[in-house]
């Protein structure tokens, strides 16, 4: 479905830019994501370029595939979640690797991270972490 209204076109271009950014953060090709959503690469490319509007069902699937709330794709604030930064691809891969570990090892990693974060937080609040 092509877009005629200038305001709609600007909205779709901005949404397409957000989709492209998130796709690249997750290191997913257009072809791979299009296939996962049951779309042709050309249709998906139209969404990223903002030249095609997408059905709501596709928008929901896209948000799920990119692991973000629909509001983030739309560019509107989410009233149910606190603002968050996107994970870098490196951190995302690390978290995926941790998630693939056996549960016992996941628990050890979580405990180590909790201890390091608590230590860093206490140093910062005591003024020890300042340069």
Protein backbone atom coordinates (compact mmCIF):
# COMPACT_ATOMS: atom_id res chain seq x y z
CA UNK A 1 0.00 0.00 0.00
CA UNK A 2 1.65 3.26 -1.11
CA UNK A 3 1.49 6.50 0.87
CA UNK A 4 0.19 9.82 -0.46
CA UNK A 5 -0.16 12.19 2.53
CA UNK A 6 3.10 14.05 3.39
CA UNK A 7 2.57 13.71 7.15
CA UNK A 8 2.00 9.98 6.79
CA UNK A 9 5.05 9.68 4.53
CA UNK A 10 7.26 11.46 7.11
CA UNK A 11 5.90 9.21 9.88
CA UNK A 12 6.56 6.04 7.87
CA UNK A 13 10.06 7.19 6.93
CA UNK A 14 10.89 7.81 10.60
CA UNK A 15 9.44 4.43 11.59
CA UNK A 16 11.41 2.78 8.77
CA UNK A 17 14.60 4.36 10.09
CA UNK A 18 13.89 2.99 13.56
CA UNK A 19 13.27 -0.48 12.11
CA UNK A 20 16.49 -0.34 10.08
CA UNK A 21 18.47 0.80 13.14
CA UNK A 22 17.09 -1.99 15.34
CA UNK A 23 17.64 -4.57 12.61
CA UNK A 24 21.28 -3.52 12.31
CA UNK A 25 21.75 -3.51 16.09
CA UNK A 26 20.59 -7.13 16.07
CA UNK A 27 22.78 -7.81 13.02
CA UNK A 28 19.89 -9.19 10.96
CA UNK A 29 19.74 -8.80 7.18
CA UNK A 30 16.65 -7.46 5.44
CA UNK A 31 16.23 -10.80 3.70
CA UNK A 32 16.41 -12.80 6.93
CA UNK A 33 13.96 -10.59 8.82
CA UNK A 34 11.60 -10.40 5.84
CA UNK A 35 11.62 -14.19 5.60
CA UNK A 36 10.94 -14.52 9.36
CA UNK A 37 7.94 -12.21 8.96
CA UNK A 38 6.66 -14.01 5.86
CA UNK A 39 7.36 -11.02 3.58
CA UNK A 40 9.27 -10.50 0.38
CA UNK A 41 12.51 -8.54 0.75
CA UNK A 42 11.06 -5.87 -1.55
CA UNK A 43 8.03 -5.39 0.71
CA UNK A 44 10.26 -5.23 3.79
CA UNK A 45 12.55 -2.75 2.03
CA UNK A 46 9.50 -0.56 1.35
CA UNK A 47 8.72 -0.54 5.08
CA UNK A 48 12.29 0.49 5.95
CA UNK A 49 12.30 3.20 3.29
CA UNK A 50 8.91 4.49 4.42
CA UNK A 51 7.36 4.03 0.99
CA UNK A 52 4.87 1.38 2.16
CA UNK A 53 2.51 1.33 5.09
CA UNK A 54 2.34 -1.93 6.99
CA UNK A 55 -0.62 -3.82 8.41
CA UNK A 56 -0.95 -3.72 12.19
CA UNK A 57 -0.41 -7.48 12.38
CA UNK A 58 2.94 -7.06 10.62
CA UNK A 59 3.85 -4.21 12.96
CA UNK A 60 3.22 -6.45 15.99
CA UNK A 61 5.25 -9.31 14.46
CA UNK A 62 8.06 -6.86 13.61
CA UNK A 63 8.20 -5.55 17.19
CA UNK A 64 8.30 -9.11 18.53
CA UNK A 65 11.06 -10.10 16.09
CA UNK A 66 13.12 -7.04 17.05
CA UNK A 67 12.38 -7.55 20.76
CA UNK A 68 10.95 -4.08 21.33
CA UNK A 69 7.53 -2.73 22.28
CA UNK A 70 5.34 -1.63 19.35
CA UNK A 71 5.53 1.91 20.77
CA UNK A 72 9.27 1.97 20.09
CA UNK A 73 8.72 1.23 16.41
CA UNK A 74 6.00 3.87 16.26
CA UNK A 75 8.21 6.42 18.01
CA UNK A 76 5.76 7.18 20.79
CA UNK A 77 6.47 7.00 24.51
CA UNK A 78 5.45 3.82 26.25
CA UNK A 79 3.37 4.50 29.32
CA UNK A 80 3.79 0.99 30.65
CA UNK A 81 7.58 0.84 30.59
CA UNK A 82 10.37 3.04 31.78
CA UNK A 83 12.61 4.43 29.04
CA UNK A 84 15.53 2.15 28.18
CA UNK A 85 18.53 2.17 25.93
CA UNK A 86 18.93 -0.44 23.24
CA UNK A 87 21.56 -3.08 23.86
CA UNK A 88 24.59 -3.01 21.62
CA UNK A 89 25.00 -6.03 19.40
CA UNK A 90 27.98 -7.14 21.52
CA UNK A 91 25.94 -7.13 24.74
CA UNK A 92 23.01 -8.76 23.00
CA UNK A 93 25.28 -11.63 21.84
CA UNK A 94 26.71 -11.96 25.37
CA UNK A 95 23.23 -12.21 26.84
CA UNK A 96 22.24 -14.78 24.23
CA UNK A 97 25.32 -16.83 25.12
CA UNK A 98 24.49 -16.64 28.82
CA UNK A 99 20.91 -17.67 28.07
CA UNK A 100 22.20 -20.79 26.30
CA UNK A 101 24.22 -21.92 29.34
CA UNK A 102 22.84 -24.55 31.71
CA UNK A 103 20.66 -23.02 34.46
CA UNK A 104 23.32 -23.64 37.14
CA UNK A 105 25.92 -21.69 35.17
CA UNK A 106 23.39 -18.94 34.41
CA UNK A 107 22.86 -18.55 38.15
CA UNK A 108 26.63 -18.26 38.75
CA UNK A 109 26.95 -15.61 36.04
CA UNK A 110 24.00 -13.69 37.51
CA UNK A 111 25.52 -13.80 41.00
CA UNK A 112 28.87 -12.57 39.67
CA UNK A 113 27.22 -9.70 37.79
CA UNK A 114 25.12 -8.75 40.82
CA UNK A 115 28.23 -8.68 43.02
CA UNK A 116 30.20 -6.55 40.54
CA UNK A 117 27.31 -4.12 40.09
CA UNK A 118 26.81 -3.83 43.86
CA UNK A 119 30.55 -3.21 44.33
CA UNK A 120 30.65 -0.56 41.58
CA UNK A 121 27.51 1.12 42.93
CA UNK A 122 28.86 1.30 46.48
CA UNK A 123 32.21 2.73 45.30
CA UNK A 124 30.43 5.40 43.26
CA UNK A 125 28.12 6.38 46.13
CA UNK A 126 31.09 6.56 48.55
CA UNK A 127 33.03 8.77 46.15
CA UNK A 128 35.71 6.13 45.62
CA UNK A 129 34.86 5.63 41.97
CA UNK A 130 35.37 9.28 41.02
CA UNK A 131 38.44 10.38 39.09
